[in-house]
């Protein structure tokens, strides 16, 4: 996974609450192969067609929306659609739990802001925005707002680590614990025949 430190790009504003995973990528498109074109071409297809959402534009890599973004079913394809289009960060007051976890696993920052800050960002005319994961801030014009993210997820994204990489980063601690545990409880150690 590509490490994420800072992203500056056009901000896509989606002033909609409760955007569920079926709205991010309608289920009928998931029968298509993800590669070579990717799922980005299906992102928000129905919301755009009904006029509820603007069409994502090339160069937009940061999305801001209202509360409960990514709710609904646990389909990882919703995050694939965002990532395949090129989005690196999603900003909202709250996220579906599984959706947020899937974001991290695919290198997309789920930046949680207050409802007031989300509305401030949604109200800004077309300006580039900067998401700074190290400082945990979002800057857009003269507006700078803080965001929250799970500290473990922050570490993973900053380093470009998946769950295995995160575990391997603790290899020395795991080895020390294992050696200590074998010395203290030799009867509990697995037999090596």
N, C-alpha and C. Protein backbone atom coordinates (compact mmCIF):
# COMPACT_ATOMS: atom_id res chain seq x y z
N UNK A 1 0.85 -1.17 0.00
CA UNK A 1 0.00 0.00 0.00
C UNK A 1 0.90 1.25 0.00
N UNK A 2 0.47 2.28 -0.70
CA UNK A 2 1.22 3.52 -0.76
C UNK A 2 1.04 4.30 0.54
N UNK A 3 2.14 4.70 1.20
CA UNK A 3 2.00 5.50 2.42
C UNK A 3 1.26 6.81 2.15
N UNK A 4 0.55 7.27 3.15
CA UNK A 4 -0.19 8.54 3.05
C UNK A 4 0.36 9.48 4.10
N UNK A 5 0.88 10.61 3.68
CA UNK A 5 1.32 11.65 4.60
C UNK A 5 0.45 12.87 4.43
N UNK A 6 0.39 13.36 3.19
CA UNK A 6 -0.35 14.58 2.90
C UNK A 6 -0.88 14.47 1.47
N UNK A 7 -2.10 14.92 1.26
CA UNK A 7 -2.70 14.93 -0.07
C UNK A 7 -3.32 16.30 -0.30
N UNK A 8 -2.94 16.93 -1.41
CA UNK A 8 -3.53 18.21 -1.82
C UNK A 8 -4.17 18.02 -3.18
N UNK A 9 -5.45 18.32 -3.26
CA UNK A 9 -6.15 18.09 -4.52
C UNK A 9 -7.50 18.79 -4.50
N UNK A 10 -8.17 18.70 -5.63
CA UNK A 10 -9.52 19.22 -5.72
C UNK A 10 -10.43 18.47 -4.75
N UNK A 11 -11.33 19.20 -4.13
CA UNK A 11 -12.25 18.66 -3.13
C UNK A 11 -13.60 18.38 -3.79
N UNK A 12 -14.06 17.14 -3.71
CA UNK A 12 -15.40 16.81 -4.18
C UNK A 12 -16.36 16.99 -3.01
N UNK A 13 -17.37 17.82 -3.20
CA UNK A 13 -18.37 18.06 -2.15
C UNK A 13 -19.60 17.22 -2.45
N UNK A 14 -20.01 16.40 -1.47
CA UNK A 14 -21.18 15.55 -1.58
C UNK A 14 -22.08 15.84 -0.38
N UNK A 15 -22.96 16.85 -0.48
CA UNK A 15 -23.77 17.27 0.67
C UNK A 15 -24.95 16.34 0.94
N UNK A 16 -24.64 15.07 1.18
CA UNK A 16 -25.66 14.04 1.40
C UNK A 16 -25.27 13.26 2.65
N UNK A 17 -26.26 12.96 3.49
CA UNK A 17 -26.04 12.10 4.66
C UNK A 17 -26.47 10.68 4.31
N UNK A 18 -25.95 9.73 5.07
CA UNK A 18 -26.35 8.33 4.95
C UNK A 18 -26.08 7.73 3.56
N UNK A 19 -24.96 8.09 2.96
CA UNK A 19 -24.60 7.49 1.67
C UNK A 19 -24.16 6.07 1.96
N UNK A 20 -24.94 5.09 1.47
CA UNK A 20 -24.61 3.70 1.78
C UNK A 20 -23.75 3.08 0.70
N UNK A 21 -23.27 1.90 0.99
CA UNK A 21 -22.32 1.25 0.08
C UNK A 21 -22.97 0.91 -1.26
N UNK A 22 -24.28 0.67 -1.28
CA UNK A 22 -24.96 0.40 -2.55
C UNK A 22 -25.07 1.67 -3.39
N UNK A 23 -25.07 2.82 -2.75
CA UNK A 23 -25.07 4.08 -3.51
C UNK A 23 -23.66 4.39 -4.02
N UNK A 24 -22.64 3.97 -3.27
CA UNK A 24 -21.27 4.19 -3.73
C UNK A 24 -20.97 3.34 -4.96
N UNK A 25 -21.38 2.07 -4.94
CA UNK A 25 -21.30 1.22 -6.12
C UNK A 25 -22.52 0.31 -6.11
N UNK A 26 -23.48 0.56 -7.00
CA UNK A 26 -24.66 -0.29 -7.06
C UNK A 26 -24.27 -1.76 -7.31
N UNK A 27 -24.98 -2.65 -6.65
CA UNK A 27 -24.65 -4.09 -6.67
C UNK A 27 -24.57 -4.65 -8.09
N UNK A 28 -25.37 -4.14 -9.01
CA UNK A 28 -25.39 -4.71 -10.36
C UNK A 28 -24.04 -4.57 -11.07
N UNK A 29 -23.21 -3.61 -10.62
CA UNK A 29 -21.90 -3.43 -11.27
C UNK A 29 -20.83 -4.34 -10.68
N UNK A 30 -21.11 -4.97 -9.58
CA UNK A 30 -20.10 -5.80 -8.94
C UNK A 30 -19.90 -7.13 -9.67
N UNK A 31 -20.74 -7.44 -10.64
CA UNK A 31 -20.53 -8.65 -11.44
C UNK A 31 -19.44 -8.42 -12.49
N UNK A 32 -19.11 -7.15 -12.71
CA UNK A 32 -18.04 -6.80 -13.65
C UNK A 32 -16.68 -7.09 -13.01
N UNK A 33 -15.68 -7.46 -13.81
CA UNK A 33 -14.35 -7.64 -13.21
C UNK A 33 -13.79 -6.29 -12.77
N UNK A 34 -13.07 -6.30 -11.68
CA UNK A 34 -12.50 -5.04 -11.17
C UNK A 34 -11.38 -4.55 -12.09
N UNK A 35 -10.61 -5.42 -12.61
CA UNK A 35 -9.51 -5.06 -13.47
C UNK A 35 -9.83 -5.40 -14.91
N UNK A 36 -9.35 -4.72 -15.89
CA UNK A 36 -8.31 -3.71 -15.84
C UNK A 36 -8.83 -2.29 -15.60
N UNK A 37 -10.13 -2.02 -15.87
CA UNK A 37 -10.61 -0.64 -15.78
C UNK A 37 -10.84 -0.16 -14.36
N UNK A 38 -11.11 -1.07 -13.42
CA UNK A 38 -11.39 -0.68 -12.05
C UNK A 38 -12.86 -0.35 -11.85
N UNK A 39 -13.26 -0.24 -10.58
CA UNK A 39 -14.65 0.06 -10.25
C UNK A 39 -14.93 1.56 -10.18
N UNK A 40 -13.93 2.38 -10.37
CA UNK A 40 -14.11 3.82 -10.29
C UNK A 40 -15.15 4.36 -11.25
N UNK A 41 -15.30 3.70 -12.38
CA UNK A 41 -16.26 4.16 -13.39
C UNK A 41 -17.71 4.00 -12.94
N UNK A 42 -17.94 3.22 -11.87
CA UNK A 42 -19.30 3.00 -11.37
C UNK A 42 -19.61 3.83 -10.13
N UNK A 43 -18.64 4.58 -9.64
CA UNK A 43 -18.78 5.33 -8.40
C UNK A 43 -19.97 6.30 -8.46
N UNK A 44 -20.87 6.16 -7.51
CA UNK A 44 -22.03 7.04 -7.34
C UNK A 44 -22.95 7.08 -8.56
N UNK A 45 -22.92 6.06 -9.39
CA UNK A 45 -23.62 6.05 -10.67
C UNK A 45 -25.09 6.45 -10.54
N UNK A 46 -25.83 5.82 -9.61
CA UNK A 46 -27.27 6.11 -9.50
C UNK A 46 -27.54 7.49 -8.90
N UNK A 47 -26.73 7.90 -7.91
CA UNK A 47 -26.94 9.23 -7.32
C UNK A 47 -26.67 10.34 -8.34
N UNK A 48 -25.69 10.14 -9.19
CA UNK A 48 -25.40 11.12 -10.24
C UNK A 48 -26.54 11.15 -11.25
N UNK A 49 -27.03 9.95 -11.64
CA UNK A 49 -28.11 9.87 -12.63
C UNK A 49 -29.39 10.54 -12.14
N UNK A 50 -29.68 10.43 -10.84
CA UNK A 50 -30.90 11.05 -10.31
C UNK A 50 -30.71 12.51 -9.90
N UNK A 51 -29.48 13.02 -10.02
CA UNK A 51 -29.20 14.41 -9.71
C UNK A 51 -28.95 14.70 -8.24
N UNK A 52 -28.79 13.66 -7.43
CA UNK A 52 -28.54 13.83 -5.99
C UNK A 52 -27.08 14.13 -5.70
N UNK A 53 -26.20 13.68 -6.58
CA UNK A 53 -24.75 13.86 -6.37
C UNK A 53 -24.10 14.40 -7.63
N UNK A 54 -23.05 15.20 -7.45
CA UNK A 54 -22.29 15.62 -8.62
C UNK A 54 -21.45 14.45 -9.13
N UNK A 55 -21.13 14.46 -10.40
CA UNK A 55 -20.25 13.43 -10.93
C UNK A 55 -18.83 13.68 -10.45
N UNK A 56 -18.14 12.64 -9.98
CA UNK A 56 -16.73 12.82 -9.61
C UNK A 56 -15.94 13.28 -10.83
N UNK A 57 -15.02 14.19 -10.63
CA UNK A 57 -14.22 14.72 -11.73
C UNK A 57 -12.77 14.28 -11.60
N UNK A 58 -12.11 14.06 -12.72
CA UNK A 58 -10.68 13.72 -12.65
C UNK A 58 -9.92 14.77 -11.85
N UNK A 59 -8.99 14.31 -11.04
CA UNK A 59 -8.20 15.20 -10.20
C UNK A 59 -8.76 15.36 -8.81
N UNK A 60 -10.01 14.98 -8.60
CA UNK A 60 -10.58 15.02 -7.25
C UNK A 60 -10.11 13.77 -6.51
N UNK A 61 -9.40 13.96 -5.41
CA UNK A 61 -8.93 12.82 -4.63
C UNK A 61 -9.35 12.91 -3.17
N UNK A 62 -10.09 13.97 -2.84
CA UNK A 62 -10.58 14.16 -1.47
C UNK A 62 -12.08 14.41 -1.56
N UNK A 63 -12.86 13.67 -0.78
CA UNK A 63 -14.31 13.79 -0.80
C UNK A 63 -14.79 14.20 0.58
N UNK A 64 -15.73 15.15 0.65
CA UNK A 64 -16.34 15.54 1.92
C UNK A 64 -17.84 15.32 1.80
N UNK A 65 -18.41 14.71 2.84
CA UNK A 65 -19.84 14.40 2.85
C UNK A 65 -20.40 14.61 4.25
N UNK A 66 -21.67 14.33 4.37
CA UNK A 66 -22.33 14.44 5.68
C UNK A 66 -22.23 13.12 6.43
N UNK A 67 -22.89 13.05 7.59
CA UNK A 67 -22.76 11.93 8.52
C UNK A 67 -23.15 10.58 7.94
N UNK A 68 -22.62 9.55 8.58
CA UNK A 68 -22.95 8.15 8.30
C UNK A 68 -22.57 7.73 6.89
N UNK A 69 -21.41 8.15 6.45
CA UNK A 69 -20.93 7.82 5.10
C UNK A 69 -20.47 6.37 5.08
N UNK A 70 -20.86 5.63 4.05
CA UNK A 70 -20.43 4.24 3.92
C UNK A 70 -21.21 3.28 4.81
N UNK A 71 -22.43 3.66 5.17
CA UNK A 71 -23.26 2.77 5.98
C UNK A 71 -23.79 1.65 5.08
N UNK A 72 -24.55 0.75 5.65
CA UNK A 72 -25.15 -0.32 4.86
C UNK A 72 -24.33 -1.58 4.88
N UNK A 73 -24.39 -2.32 3.79
CA UNK A 73 -23.71 -3.61 3.73
C UNK A 73 -22.20 -3.43 3.77
N UNK A 74 -21.52 -4.51 4.04
CA UNK A 74 -20.07 -4.45 4.27
C UNK A 74 -19.26 -4.66 3.00
N UNK A 75 -19.79 -4.29 1.86
CA UNK A 75 -19.06 -4.58 0.62
C UNK A 75 -17.80 -3.72 0.47
N UNK A 76 -16.69 -4.40 0.31
CA UNK A 76 -15.41 -3.71 0.12
C UNK A 76 -15.36 -3.03 -1.25
N UNK A 77 -16.20 -3.47 -2.16
CA UNK A 77 -16.23 -2.87 -3.50
C UNK A 77 -16.55 -1.38 -3.46
N UNK A 78 -17.25 -0.92 -2.41
CA UNK A 78 -17.54 0.51 -2.28
C UNK A 78 -16.23 1.29 -2.13
N UNK A 79 -15.31 0.77 -1.35
CA UNK A 79 -14.01 1.43 -1.21
C UNK A 79 -13.18 1.23 -2.47
N UNK A 80 -13.29 0.06 -3.10
CA UNK A 80 -12.59 -0.14 -4.37
C UNK A 80 -12.99 0.94 -5.37
N UNK A 81 -14.29 1.26 -5.43
CA UNK A 81 -14.77 2.27 -6.38
C UNK A 81 -14.13 3.63 -6.09
N UNK A 82 -14.07 4.00 -4.81
CA UNK A 82 -13.43 5.26 -4.43
C UNK A 82 -11.94 5.25 -4.79
N UNK A 83 -11.25 4.19 -4.37
CA UNK A 83 -9.80 4.10 -4.60
C UNK A 83 -9.48 4.00 -6.08
N UNK A 84 -10.26 3.23 -6.83
CA UNK A 84 -10.00 3.08 -8.26
C UNK A 84 -10.23 4.39 -9.01
N UNK A 85 -11.14 5.22 -8.52
CA UNK A 85 -11.33 6.54 -9.15
C UNK A 85 -10.15 7.45 -8.83
N UNK A 86 -9.51 7.21 -7.69
CA UNK A 86 -8.35 8.02 -7.31
C UNK A 86 -8.50 8.72 -5.98
N UNK A 87 -9.61 8.49 -5.25
CA UNK A 87 -9.79 9.15 -3.96
C UNK A 87 -8.81 8.58 -2.93
N UNK A 88 -8.16 9.48 -2.19
CA UNK A 88 -7.21 9.09 -1.15
C UNK A 88 -7.74 9.40 0.24
N UNK A 89 -8.77 10.25 0.35
CA UNK A 89 -9.33 10.61 1.65
C UNK A 89 -10.82 10.90 1.53
N UNK A 90 -11.56 10.49 2.56
CA UNK A 90 -12.99 10.79 2.67
C UNK A 90 -13.18 11.48 4.02
N UNK A 91 -13.86 12.62 4.01
CA UNK A 91 -14.09 13.42 5.21
C UNK A 91 -15.59 13.40 5.51
N UNK A 92 -15.94 13.05 6.75
CA UNK A 92 -17.35 13.03 7.15
C UNK A 92 -17.43 13.04 8.68
N UNK A 93 -18.59 13.41 9.24
CA UNK A 93 -18.75 13.37 10.69
C UNK A 93 -18.78 11.96 11.27
N UNK A 94 -19.20 10.98 10.47
CA UNK A 94 -19.18 9.59 10.94
C UNK A 94 -19.20 8.67 9.73
N UNK A 95 -18.75 7.43 9.98
CA UNK A 95 -18.64 6.42 8.92
C UNK A 95 -19.25 5.11 9.39
N UNK A 96 -19.68 4.29 8.43
CA UNK A 96 -19.99 2.91 8.76
C UNK A 96 -18.71 2.25 9.23
N UNK A 97 -18.78 1.46 10.31
CA UNK A 97 -17.57 0.88 10.90
C UNK A 97 -16.77 0.03 9.92
N UNK A 98 -17.43 -0.88 9.25
CA UNK A 98 -16.73 -1.77 8.32
C UNK A 98 -16.19 -0.98 7.14
N UNK A 99 -16.96 -0.01 6.67
CA UNK A 99 -16.50 0.84 5.57
C UNK A 99 -15.20 1.54 5.94
N UNK A 100 -15.14 2.13 7.14
CA UNK A 100 -13.93 2.85 7.58
C UNK A 100 -12.74 1.90 7.63
N UNK A 101 -12.95 0.71 8.16
CA UNK A 101 -11.87 -0.28 8.22
C UNK A 101 -11.41 -0.66 6.81
N UNK A 102 -12.36 -0.85 5.89
CA UNK A 102 -12.01 -1.16 4.51
C UNK A 102 -11.26 -0.02 3.84
N UNK A 103 -11.58 1.22 4.21
CA UNK A 103 -10.83 2.37 3.68
C UNK A 103 -9.35 2.21 4.01
N UNK A 104 -9.07 1.97 5.27
CA UNK A 104 -7.67 1.87 5.71
C UNK A 104 -6.97 0.73 4.98
N UNK A 105 -7.64 -0.40 4.83
CA UNK A 105 -7.04 -1.55 4.15
C UNK A 105 -6.74 -1.27 2.68
N UNK A 106 -7.35 -0.22 2.14
CA UNK A 106 -7.15 0.14 0.74
C UNK A 106 -6.46 1.49 0.56
N UNK A 107 -5.85 2.01 1.64
CA UNK A 107 -5.06 3.22 1.54
C UNK A 107 -5.85 4.52 1.47
N UNK A 108 -7.12 4.49 1.89
CA UNK A 108 -7.97 5.68 1.88
C UNK A 108 -8.15 6.15 3.32
N UNK A 109 -7.92 7.42 3.59
CA UNK A 109 -8.04 7.97 4.94
C UNK A 109 -9.50 8.28 5.25
N UNK A 110 -10.09 7.66 6.29
CA UNK A 110 -11.43 8.05 6.75
C UNK A 110 -11.28 9.13 7.83
N UNK A 111 -11.36 10.38 7.45
CA UNK A 111 -11.13 11.51 8.36
C UNK A 111 -12.45 11.94 9.00
N UNK A 112 -12.57 11.77 10.31
CA UNK A 112 -13.79 12.12 11.02
C UNK A 112 -13.70 13.54 11.55
N UNK A 113 -14.67 14.36 11.15
CA UNK A 113 -14.73 15.76 11.58
C UNK A 113 -16.07 16.00 12.27
N UNK A 114 -16.20 17.14 12.95
CA UNK A 114 -17.48 17.50 13.55
C UNK A 114 -18.48 17.83 12.44
N UNK A 115 -19.77 17.78 12.77
CA UNK A 115 -20.80 18.13 11.78
C UNK A 115 -20.62 19.58 11.33
N UNK A 116 -20.26 20.45 12.27
CA UNK A 116 -20.06 21.86 11.93
C UNK A 116 -18.91 22.02 10.94
N UNK A 117 -17.81 21.31 11.18
CA UNK A 117 -16.66 21.41 10.27
C UNK A 117 -16.97 20.80 8.91
N UNK A 118 -17.75 19.73 8.88
CA UNK A 118 -18.15 19.15 7.59
C UNK A 118 -18.96 20.18 6.80
N UNK A 119 -19.88 20.86 7.47
CA UNK A 119 -20.69 21.87 6.79
C UNK A 119 -19.82 23.05 6.31
N UNK A 120 -18.83 23.43 7.10
CA UNK A 120 -17.91 24.50 6.66
C UNK A 120 -17.19 24.10 5.38
N UNK A 121 -16.69 22.86 5.36
CA UNK A 121 -15.97 22.38 4.17
C UNK A 121 -16.91 22.23 2.97
N UNK A 122 -18.14 21.77 3.22
CA UNK A 122 -19.11 21.64 2.13
C UNK A 122 -19.49 22.99 1.55
N UNK A 123 -19.39 24.06 2.34
CA UNK A 123 -19.78 25.39 1.89
C UNK A 123 -18.70 26.16 1.15
N UNK A 124 -17.50 25.63 1.11
CA UNK A 124 -16.40 26.33 0.44
C UNK A 124 -16.49 26.12 -1.06
N UNK A 125 -16.34 27.21 -1.80
CA UNK A 125 -16.34 27.11 -3.26
C UNK A 125 -15.12 26.31 -3.71
N UNK A 126 -15.10 25.98 -4.96
CA UNK A 126 -14.06 25.10 -5.51
C UNK A 126 -12.66 25.60 -5.22
N UNK A 127 -12.05 25.02 -4.23
CA UNK A 127 -10.66 25.29 -3.87
C UNK A 127 -9.97 23.96 -3.63
N UNK A 128 -8.68 23.92 -3.83
CA UNK A 128 -8.00 22.68 -3.44
C UNK A 128 -8.00 22.54 -1.92
N UNK A 129 -7.96 21.33 -1.47
CA UNK A 129 -7.90 21.03 -0.04
C UNK A 129 -6.64 20.21 0.22
N UNK A 130 -6.17 20.25 1.46
CA UNK A 130 -5.02 19.46 1.87
C UNK A 130 -5.40 18.67 3.11
N UNK A 131 -5.25 17.36 3.02
CA UNK A 131 -5.42 16.49 4.18
C UNK A 131 -4.02 16.12 4.64
N UNK A 132 -3.70 16.50 5.87
CA UNK A 132 -2.39 16.23 6.46
C UNK A 132 -2.58 15.20 7.57
N UNK A 133 -2.17 13.97 7.28
CA UNK A 133 -2.38 12.88 8.24
C UNK A 133 -1.45 13.02 9.45
N UNK A 134 -0.25 13.52 9.25
CA UNK A 134 0.67 13.70 10.39
C UNK A 134 0.10 14.71 11.38
N UNK A 135 -0.39 15.84 10.88
CA UNK A 135 -0.93 16.89 11.75
C UNK A 135 -2.40 16.66 12.09
N UNK A 136 -3.05 15.75 11.38
CA UNK A 136 -4.48 15.47 11.51
C UNK A 136 -5.31 16.74 11.32
N UNK A 137 -5.02 17.41 10.19
CA UNK A 137 -5.76 18.62 9.84
C UNK A 137 -6.19 18.57 8.37
N UNK A 138 -7.24 19.34 8.09
CA UNK A 138 -7.70 19.54 6.73
C UNK A 138 -7.70 21.04 6.50
N UNK A 139 -7.04 21.48 5.45
CA UNK A 139 -6.99 22.90 5.12
C UNK A 139 -7.64 23.11 3.77
N UNK A 140 -8.50 24.11 3.69
CA UNK A 140 -9.16 24.46 2.43
C UNK A 140 -9.35 25.97 2.45
N UNK A 141 -8.58 26.67 1.65
CA UNK A 141 -8.60 28.13 1.70
C UNK A 141 -8.11 28.59 3.06
N UNK A 142 -8.86 29.46 3.71
CA UNK A 142 -8.50 29.95 5.05
C UNK A 142 -9.05 29.08 6.17
N UNK A 143 -9.75 28.03 5.82
CA UNK A 143 -10.36 27.14 6.81
C UNK A 143 -9.42 25.98 7.10
N UNK A 144 -9.11 25.79 8.39
CA UNK A 144 -8.30 24.64 8.83
C UNK A 144 -9.08 23.96 9.94
N UNK A 145 -9.37 22.66 9.76
CA UNK A 145 -10.13 21.92 10.77
C UNK A 145 -9.36 20.67 11.16
N UNK A 146 -9.50 20.25 12.42
CA UNK A 146 -8.87 19.01 12.86
C UNK A 146 -9.74 17.81 12.47
N UNK A 147 -9.12 16.64 12.39
CA UNK A 147 -9.91 15.43 12.20
C UNK A 147 -9.38 14.33 13.11
N UNK A 148 -10.25 13.35 13.36
CA UNK A 148 -9.91 12.21 14.20
C UNK A 148 -9.76 10.96 13.32
N UNK A 149 -8.86 10.10 13.77
CA UNK A 149 -8.69 8.80 13.13
C UNK A 149 -8.10 7.87 14.18
N UNK A 150 -8.48 6.62 14.15
CA UNK A 150 -7.92 5.64 15.08
C UNK A 150 -6.39 5.68 14.99
N UNK A 151 -5.69 5.73 16.14
CA UNK A 151 -4.22 5.84 16.09
C UNK A 151 -3.54 4.67 15.38
N UNK A 152 -4.09 3.47 15.49
CA UNK A 152 -3.50 2.32 14.80
C UNK A 152 -3.67 2.50 13.29
N UNK A 153 -4.85 2.93 12.87
CA UNK A 153 -5.07 3.18 11.44
C UNK A 153 -4.15 4.27 10.93
N UNK A 154 -3.95 5.30 11.73
CA UNK A 154 -3.05 6.39 11.35
C UNK A 154 -1.65 5.85 11.10
N UNK A 155 -1.17 5.01 12.02
CA UNK A 155 0.15 4.39 11.87
C UNK A 155 0.23 3.56 10.60
N UNK A 156 -0.80 2.77 10.36
CA UNK A 156 -0.81 1.93 9.15
C UNK A 156 -0.75 2.79 7.88
N UNK A 157 -1.57 3.83 7.83
CA UNK A 157 -1.61 4.67 6.63
C UNK A 157 -0.32 5.46 6.42
N UNK A 158 0.23 6.00 7.51
CA UNK A 158 1.48 6.75 7.39
C UNK A 158 2.62 5.88 6.86
N UNK A 159 2.61 4.61 7.26
CA UNK A 159 3.69 3.69 6.86
C UNK A 159 3.37 2.86 5.63
N UNK A 160 2.11 2.89 5.18
CA UNK A 160 1.71 2.04 4.06
C UNK A 160 1.64 0.58 4.44
N UNK A 161 1.27 0.31 5.69
CA UNK A 161 1.24 -1.06 6.21
C UNK A 161 -0.14 -1.68 6.11
N UNK A 162 -0.19 -2.96 5.75
CA UNK A 162 -1.42 -3.72 5.92
C UNK A 162 -1.37 -4.36 7.31
N UNK A 163 -2.37 -5.20 7.63
CA UNK A 163 -2.44 -5.78 8.97
C UNK A 163 -1.24 -6.67 9.28
N UNK A 164 -0.72 -7.37 8.29
CA UNK A 164 0.45 -8.23 8.51
C UNK A 164 1.68 -7.38 8.79
N UNK A 165 1.86 -6.32 8.02
CA UNK A 165 2.99 -5.41 8.27
C UNK A 165 2.93 -4.83 9.69
N UNK A 166 1.72 -4.49 10.13
CA UNK A 166 1.55 -3.95 11.48
C UNK A 166 1.99 -4.97 12.53
N UNK A 167 1.63 -6.22 12.34
CA UNK A 167 2.05 -7.29 13.26
C UNK A 167 3.56 -7.49 13.20
N UNK A 168 4.12 -7.50 12.01
CA UNK A 168 5.56 -7.70 11.86
C UNK A 168 6.37 -6.56 12.49
N UNK A 169 5.78 -5.38 12.57
CA UNK A 169 6.46 -4.25 13.21
C UNK A 169 6.68 -4.52 14.70
N UNK A 170 5.91 -5.43 15.26
CA UNK A 170 6.04 -5.81 16.68
C UNK A 170 6.78 -7.13 16.86
N UNK A 171 7.51 -7.58 15.84
CA UNK A 171 8.17 -8.89 15.88
C UNK A 171 9.11 -9.03 17.08
N UNK A 172 9.88 -8.00 17.40
CA UNK A 172 10.81 -8.09 18.54
C UNK A 172 10.04 -8.24 19.86
N UNK A 173 8.97 -7.48 20.02
CA UNK A 173 8.15 -7.59 21.24
C UNK A 173 7.50 -8.96 21.34
N UNK A 174 7.05 -9.49 20.22
CA UNK A 174 6.42 -10.81 20.21
C UNK A 174 7.44 -11.88 20.57
N UNK A 175 8.65 -11.77 20.00
CA UNK A 175 9.71 -12.76 20.31
C UNK A 175 10.10 -12.68 21.78
N UNK A 176 10.21 -11.48 22.33
CA UNK A 176 10.56 -11.32 23.75
C UNK A 176 9.48 -11.91 24.64
N UNK A 177 8.22 -11.66 24.32
CA UNK A 177 7.12 -12.24 25.10
C UNK A 177 7.16 -13.76 25.03
N UNK A 178 7.37 -14.30 23.84
CA UNK A 178 7.39 -15.76 23.68
C UNK A 178 8.50 -16.38 24.50
N UNK A 179 9.70 -15.78 24.46
CA UNK A 179 10.83 -16.32 25.23
C UNK A 179 10.53 -16.25 26.72
N UNK A 180 9.99 -15.14 27.17
CA UNK A 180 9.65 -14.97 28.58
C UNK A 180 8.57 -15.97 29.02
N UNK A 181 7.57 -16.16 28.17
CA UNK A 181 6.48 -17.07 28.49
C UNK A 181 6.96 -18.51 28.54
N UNK A 182 7.83 -18.91 27.64
CA UNK A 182 8.37 -20.28 27.64
C UNK A 182 9.19 -20.51 28.91
N UNK A 183 9.94 -19.50 29.35
CA UNK A 183 10.73 -19.65 30.58
C UNK A 183 9.83 -19.74 31.80
N UNK A 184 8.75 -18.97 31.83
CA UNK A 184 7.86 -18.96 32.99
C UNK A 184 6.87 -20.12 32.99
N UNK A 185 6.48 -20.58 31.81
CA UNK A 185 5.48 -21.66 31.72
C UNK A 185 5.90 -22.68 30.67
N UNK A 186 6.97 -23.43 30.92
CA UNK A 186 7.47 -24.36 29.91
C UNK A 186 6.45 -25.43 29.50
N UNK A 187 5.54 -25.79 30.41
CA UNK A 187 4.55 -26.80 30.11
C UNK A 187 3.52 -26.32 29.07
N UNK A 188 3.40 -24.99 28.89
CA UNK A 188 2.42 -24.44 27.97
C UNK A 188 2.97 -24.25 26.56
N UNK A 189 4.26 -24.37 26.39
CA UNK A 189 4.89 -24.16 25.09
C UNK A 189 4.54 -25.32 24.14
N UNK A 190 4.31 -25.02 22.89
CA UNK A 190 4.01 -26.09 21.94
C UNK A 190 5.21 -27.03 21.79
N UNK A 191 4.90 -28.30 21.64
CA UNK A 191 5.97 -29.29 21.43
C UNK A 191 6.52 -29.16 20.02
N UNK A 192 7.80 -29.28 19.90
CA UNK A 192 8.45 -29.20 18.58
C UNK A 192 9.10 -30.55 18.32
N UNK A 193 8.35 -31.43 17.71
CA UNK A 193 8.85 -32.78 17.42
C UNK A 193 9.47 -32.86 16.07
